[in-house]
Amino acid sequence: MYGSHIEHHSNYQDLKEEGKFAFDLLVDIIRNAQKENTIKNVNSEEIALSAWSMVHGVSHLVLEKQIFFDVISESKYKKLIKNLLKHLYKGIQVSKLSNS
C-alpha cells in the first residue's frame, strides 16, 4: 500500500492498523458470503488478497498512466474496476449446478 512513498511502514502504526482493519473487513464480507453459499468455501484470506491486489494493482497502473495513453474518466475507471471484480466473482461463485 502507498508504493514507495512511505519508506518504513513500521513508523506509521495508525496507517498499518487502518489497512489491517480494511483488509479484515473484506475477509469478513467474504466469509459471510461463504456462509450464505454465495461464493466457494475456499481460503477467504486468499480471495480477499486477490480482490485487494486487483483493485490496488489497477489503481496503481491507472495513476502511473501505465494502462491508458490518455486520461481516463472517473466513470470509465469505476466501470473497469466493477468489471474486474465481476470476473473475480464469477471465478469464486458457487456453481448453480452444484447446488441442485
N, C-alpha and C. Protein backbone atom coordinates (compact mmCIF):
# COMPACT_ATOMS: atom_id res chain seq x y z
N MET A 1 0.84 -1.16 0.00
CA MET A 1 0.00 0.00 0.00
C MET A 1 0.89 1.23 0.00
N TYR A 2 0.57 2.22 -0.78
CA TYR A 2 1.27 3.50 -0.90
C TYR A 2 2.60 3.39 -1.61
N GLY A 3 2.86 2.28 -2.22
CA GLY A 3 4.06 2.12 -3.02
C GLY A 3 5.32 2.47 -2.25
N SER A 4 6.19 3.18 -2.88
CA SER A 4 7.46 3.55 -2.23
C SER A 4 7.40 4.93 -1.61
N HIS A 5 6.20 5.52 -1.54
CA HIS A 5 6.07 6.86 -0.95
C HIS A 5 6.33 6.84 0.54
N ILE A 6 6.13 5.71 1.17
CA ILE A 6 6.42 5.55 2.59
C ILE A 6 7.55 4.54 2.70
N GLU A 7 8.69 5.03 3.18
CA GLU A 7 9.87 4.17 3.21
C GLU A 7 9.77 3.07 4.26
N HIS A 8 9.32 3.42 5.46
CA HIS A 8 9.23 2.44 6.55
C HIS A 8 7.82 2.46 7.13
N HIS A 9 7.02 1.50 6.71
CA HIS A 9 5.64 1.42 7.19
C HIS A 9 5.58 1.23 8.70
N SER A 10 6.62 0.65 9.28
CA SER A 10 6.64 0.43 10.72
C SER A 10 6.60 1.75 11.50
N ASN A 11 6.93 2.86 10.85
CA ASN A 11 6.88 4.17 11.50
C ASN A 11 5.46 4.74 11.56
N TYR A 12 4.51 4.08 10.95
CA TYR A 12 3.14 4.59 10.84
C TYR A 12 2.16 3.53 11.34
N GLN A 13 2.16 3.33 12.66
CA GLN A 13 1.34 2.29 13.25
C GLN A 13 -0.15 2.50 12.95
N ASP A 14 -0.64 3.74 13.03
CA ASP A 14 -2.06 4.01 12.75
C ASP A 14 -2.42 3.61 11.32
N LEU A 15 -1.54 3.92 10.40
CA LEU A 15 -1.77 3.57 8.99
C LEU A 15 -1.82 2.05 8.83
N LYS A 16 -0.91 1.34 9.47
CA LYS A 16 -0.91 -0.11 9.41
C LYS A 16 -2.19 -0.69 9.99
N GLU A 17 -2.64 -0.13 11.11
CA GLU A 17 -3.86 -0.63 11.75
C GLU A 17 -5.09 -0.39 10.87
N GLU A 18 -5.15 0.76 10.23
CA GLU A 18 -6.29 1.07 9.35
C GLU A 18 -6.29 0.16 8.13
N GLY A 19 -5.12 -0.11 7.59
CA GLY A 19 -5.01 -1.03 6.46
C GLY A 19 -5.44 -2.42 6.85
N LYS A 20 -5.03 -2.87 8.04
CA LYS A 20 -5.44 -4.19 8.53
C LYS A 20 -6.94 -4.23 8.78
N PHE A 21 -7.49 -3.15 9.32
CA PHE A 21 -8.94 -3.10 9.55
C PHE A 21 -9.70 -3.24 8.24
N ALA A 22 -9.26 -2.52 7.20
CA ALA A 22 -9.93 -2.58 5.90
C ALA A 22 -9.83 -3.99 5.31
N PHE A 23 -8.66 -4.60 5.39
CA PHE A 23 -8.48 -5.94 4.85
C PHE A 23 -9.32 -6.95 5.63
N ASP A 24 -9.31 -6.85 6.95
CA ASP A 24 -10.10 -7.77 7.78
C ASP A 24 -11.59 -7.63 7.49
N LEU A 25 -12.03 -6.41 7.22
CA LEU A 25 -13.43 -6.19 6.86
C LEU A 25 -13.77 -6.92 5.55
N LEU A 26 -12.87 -6.84 4.59
CA LEU A 26 -13.07 -7.55 3.33
C LEU A 26 -13.13 -9.06 3.56
N VAL A 27 -12.25 -9.58 4.41
CA VAL A 27 -12.26 -11.02 4.73
C VAL A 27 -13.60 -11.40 5.38
N ASP A 28 -14.09 -10.57 6.29
CA ASP A 28 -15.38 -10.85 6.94
C ASP A 28 -16.52 -10.88 5.94
N ILE A 29 -16.51 -9.95 4.99
CA ILE A 29 -17.55 -9.93 3.95
C ILE A 29 -17.50 -11.22 3.15
N ILE A 30 -16.32 -11.66 2.81
CA ILE A 30 -16.15 -12.90 2.04
C ILE A 30 -16.62 -14.09 2.85
N ARG A 31 -16.27 -14.14 4.13
CA ARG A 31 -16.70 -15.26 4.98
C ARG A 31 -18.23 -15.30 5.10
N ASN A 32 -18.85 -14.14 5.21
CA ASN A 32 -20.31 -14.10 5.27
C ASN A 32 -20.92 -14.63 3.97
N ALA A 33 -20.33 -14.26 2.84
CA ALA A 33 -20.82 -14.76 1.55
C ALA A 33 -20.63 -16.27 1.46
N GLN A 34 -19.55 -16.77 2.03
CA GLN A 34 -19.32 -18.21 2.03
C GLN A 34 -20.35 -18.92 2.90
N LYS A 35 -20.69 -18.34 4.05
CA LYS A 35 -21.70 -18.94 4.94
C LYS A 35 -23.06 -18.99 4.25
N GLU A 36 -23.32 -18.00 3.41
CA GLU A 36 -24.58 -17.95 2.67
C GLU A 36 -24.53 -18.79 1.39
N ASN A 37 -23.41 -19.46 1.16
CA ASN A 37 -23.19 -20.31 -0.01
C ASN A 37 -23.29 -19.52 -1.32
N THR A 38 -22.86 -18.27 -1.25
CA THR A 38 -22.84 -17.41 -2.44
C THR A 38 -21.54 -17.58 -3.21
N ILE A 39 -20.45 -17.73 -2.48
CA ILE A 39 -19.15 -17.96 -3.11
C ILE A 39 -18.54 -19.23 -2.53
N LYS A 40 -17.58 -19.76 -3.27
CA LYS A 40 -16.95 -21.03 -2.89
C LYS A 40 -16.31 -20.94 -1.51
N ASN A 41 -16.36 -22.04 -0.80
CA ASN A 41 -15.79 -22.11 0.53
C ASN A 41 -14.32 -22.51 0.43
N VAL A 42 -13.53 -21.58 -0.05
CA VAL A 42 -12.08 -21.76 -0.14
C VAL A 42 -11.45 -20.71 0.76
N ASN A 43 -10.16 -20.65 0.82
CA ASN A 43 -9.46 -19.75 1.73
C ASN A 43 -9.92 -18.30 1.54
N SER A 44 -10.62 -17.77 2.55
CA SER A 44 -11.19 -16.42 2.45
C SER A 44 -10.12 -15.34 2.39
N GLU A 45 -9.01 -15.56 3.06
CA GLU A 45 -7.94 -14.56 3.02
C GLU A 45 -7.28 -14.50 1.63
N GLU A 46 -7.20 -15.64 0.96
CA GLU A 46 -6.64 -15.65 -0.40
C GLU A 46 -7.59 -14.94 -1.37
N ILE A 47 -8.88 -15.15 -1.20
CA ILE A 47 -9.85 -14.44 -2.05
C ILE A 47 -9.75 -12.94 -1.80
N ALA A 48 -9.67 -12.56 -0.53
CA ALA A 48 -9.56 -11.13 -0.18
C ALA A 48 -8.29 -10.53 -0.77
N LEU A 49 -7.19 -11.26 -0.67
CA LEU A 49 -5.93 -10.75 -1.22
C LEU A 49 -6.00 -10.64 -2.74
N SER A 50 -6.70 -11.55 -3.38
CA SER A 50 -6.88 -11.46 -4.84
C SER A 50 -7.63 -10.19 -5.21
N ALA A 51 -8.74 -9.93 -4.52
CA ALA A 51 -9.53 -8.72 -4.80
C ALA A 51 -8.73 -7.47 -4.46
N TRP A 52 -8.09 -7.47 -3.30
CA TRP A 52 -7.30 -6.33 -2.82
C TRP A 52 -6.18 -6.02 -3.82
N SER A 53 -5.48 -7.06 -4.24
CA SER A 53 -4.37 -6.89 -5.18
C SER A 53 -4.85 -6.38 -6.53
N MET A 54 -5.98 -6.90 -6.99
CA MET A 54 -6.51 -6.49 -8.28
C MET A 54 -6.86 -5.00 -8.27
N VAL A 55 -7.59 -4.58 -7.26
CA VAL A 55 -8.01 -3.17 -7.19
C VAL A 55 -6.80 -2.25 -7.02
N HIS A 56 -5.88 -2.61 -6.12
CA HIS A 56 -4.71 -1.77 -5.91
C HIS A 56 -3.78 -1.78 -7.11
N GLY A 57 -3.65 -2.92 -7.75
CA GLY A 57 -2.79 -3.00 -8.93
C GLY A 57 -3.31 -2.15 -10.08
N VAL A 58 -4.60 -2.25 -10.35
CA VAL A 58 -5.19 -1.44 -11.42
C VAL A 58 -5.11 0.04 -11.06
N SER A 59 -5.39 0.36 -9.80
CA SER A 59 -5.30 1.76 -9.37
C SER A 59 -3.91 2.33 -9.61
N HIS A 60 -2.91 1.54 -9.24
CA HIS A 60 -1.53 1.99 -9.43
C HIS A 60 -1.22 2.17 -10.92
N LEU A 61 -1.63 1.23 -11.74
CA LEU A 61 -1.39 1.34 -13.18
C LEU A 61 -2.08 2.55 -13.79
N VAL A 62 -3.30 2.82 -13.33
CA VAL A 62 -4.02 3.99 -13.84
C VAL A 62 -3.34 5.28 -13.38
N LEU A 63 -3.00 5.36 -12.09
CA LEU A 63 -2.36 6.57 -11.56
C LEU A 63 -1.01 6.84 -12.23
N GLU A 64 -0.29 5.78 -12.54
CA GLU A 64 1.01 5.92 -13.18
C GLU A 64 0.91 5.99 -14.70
N LYS A 65 -0.35 6.00 -15.21
CA LYS A 65 -0.61 6.08 -16.65
C LYS A 65 0.11 4.98 -17.43
N GLN A 66 0.07 3.77 -16.85
CA GLN A 66 0.69 2.63 -17.49
C GLN A 66 -0.29 1.83 -18.35
N ILE A 67 -1.60 2.07 -18.18
CA ILE A 67 -2.60 1.35 -18.96
C ILE A 67 -3.10 2.19 -20.12
N PHE A 68 -3.36 3.44 -19.86
CA PHE A 68 -4.02 4.30 -20.84
C PHE A 68 -3.09 5.41 -21.30
N PHE A 69 -3.19 5.75 -22.56
CA PHE A 69 -2.34 6.79 -23.11
C PHE A 69 -2.96 8.17 -22.94
N ASP A 70 -4.22 8.21 -22.63
CA ASP A 70 -4.85 9.49 -22.32
C ASP A 70 -5.50 9.38 -20.95
N VAL A 71 -6.02 10.46 -20.46
CA VAL A 71 -6.62 10.47 -19.12
C VAL A 71 -7.92 9.69 -19.15
N ILE A 72 -8.08 8.80 -18.19
CA ILE A 72 -9.30 8.01 -18.09
C ILE A 72 -10.30 8.75 -17.22
N SER A 73 -11.54 8.74 -17.65
CA SER A 73 -12.58 9.41 -16.86
C SER A 73 -12.90 8.58 -15.63
N GLU A 74 -13.45 9.23 -14.63
CA GLU A 74 -13.80 8.53 -13.40
C GLU A 74 -14.84 7.44 -13.67
N SER A 75 -15.79 7.72 -14.55
CA SER A 75 -16.83 6.72 -14.83
C SER A 75 -16.23 5.50 -15.53
N LYS A 76 -15.28 5.70 -16.44
CA LYS A 76 -14.64 4.57 -17.11
C LYS A 76 -13.81 3.76 -16.11
N TYR A 77 -13.14 4.46 -15.20
CA TYR A 77 -12.33 3.79 -14.18
C TYR A 77 -13.22 2.94 -13.27
N LYS A 78 -14.34 3.50 -12.83
CA LYS A 78 -15.26 2.76 -11.97
C LYS A 78 -15.82 1.54 -12.69
N LYS A 79 -16.12 1.70 -13.98
CA LYS A 79 -16.64 0.57 -14.76
C LYS A 79 -15.57 -0.51 -14.90
N LEU A 80 -14.33 -0.11 -15.11
CA LEU A 80 -13.23 -1.06 -15.22
C LEU A 80 -13.09 -1.87 -13.93
N ILE A 81 -13.09 -1.20 -12.80
CA ILE A 81 -12.95 -1.89 -11.52
C ILE A 81 -14.14 -2.83 -11.30
N LYS A 82 -15.34 -2.34 -11.61
CA LYS A 82 -16.54 -3.17 -11.45
C LYS A 82 -16.45 -4.43 -12.31
N ASN A 83 -16.00 -4.30 -13.54
CA ASN A 83 -15.88 -5.45 -14.43
C ASN A 83 -14.80 -6.43 -13.96
N LEU A 84 -13.68 -5.91 -13.48
CA LEU A 84 -12.62 -6.79 -12.97
C LEU A 84 -13.11 -7.58 -11.77
N LEU A 85 -13.80 -6.91 -10.86
CA LEU A 85 -14.32 -7.61 -9.69
C LEU A 85 -15.40 -8.61 -10.08
N LYS A 86 -16.17 -8.29 -11.12
CA LYS A 86 -17.18 -9.22 -11.60
C LYS A 86 -16.51 -10.50 -12.12
N HIS A 87 -15.39 -10.35 -12.82
CA HIS A 87 -14.66 -11.52 -13.32
C HIS A 87 -14.12 -12.34 -12.15
N LEU A 88 -13.61 -11.67 -11.13
CA LEU A 88 -13.13 -12.38 -9.94
C LEU A 88 -14.29 -13.13 -9.29
N TYR A 89 -15.42 -12.45 -9.13
CA TYR A 89 -16.58 -13.07 -8.50
C TYR A 89 -17.06 -14.29 -9.28
N LYS A 90 -17.09 -14.18 -10.58
CA LYS A 90 -17.55 -15.31 -11.40
C LYS A 90 -16.65 -16.53 -11.16
N GLY A 91 -15.37 -16.28 -10.90
CA GLY A 91 -14.45 -17.38 -10.65
C GLY A 91 -14.62 -18.02 -9.29
N ILE A 92 -15.13 -17.29 -8.31
CA ILE A 92 -15.29 -17.84 -6.96
C ILE A 92 -16.75 -18.14 -6.62
N GLN A 93 -17.64 -17.84 -7.54
CA GLN A 93 -19.07 -18.05 -7.32
C GLN A 93 -19.38 -19.54 -7.26
N VAL A 94 -20.28 -19.90 -6.36
CA VAL A 94 -20.73 -21.28 -6.28
C VAL A 94 -21.52 -21.60 -7.53
N SER A 95 -21.20 -22.71 -8.14
CA SER A 95 -21.90 -23.13 -9.35
C SER A 95 -23.33 -23.49 -9.03
N LYS A 96 -24.26 -22.97 -9.82
CA LYS A 96 -25.67 -23.29 -9.62
C LYS A 96 -25.92 -24.78 -9.84
N LEU A 97 -25.11 -25.43 -10.66
CA LEU A 97 -25.26 -26.87 -10.90
C LEU A 97 -24.93 -27.67 -9.66
N SER A 98 -23.95 -27.19 -8.86
CA SER A 98 -23.54 -27.94 -7.68
C SER A 98 -24.55 -27.81 -6.55
N ASN A 99 -25.48 -26.84 -6.65
CA ASN A 99 -26.48 -26.65 -5.60
C ASN A 99 -27.69 -27.53 -5.80
N SER A 100 -27.84 -28.16 -6.95
CA SER A 100 -29.05 -28.96 -7.21
C SER A 100 -28.93 -30.38 -6.74
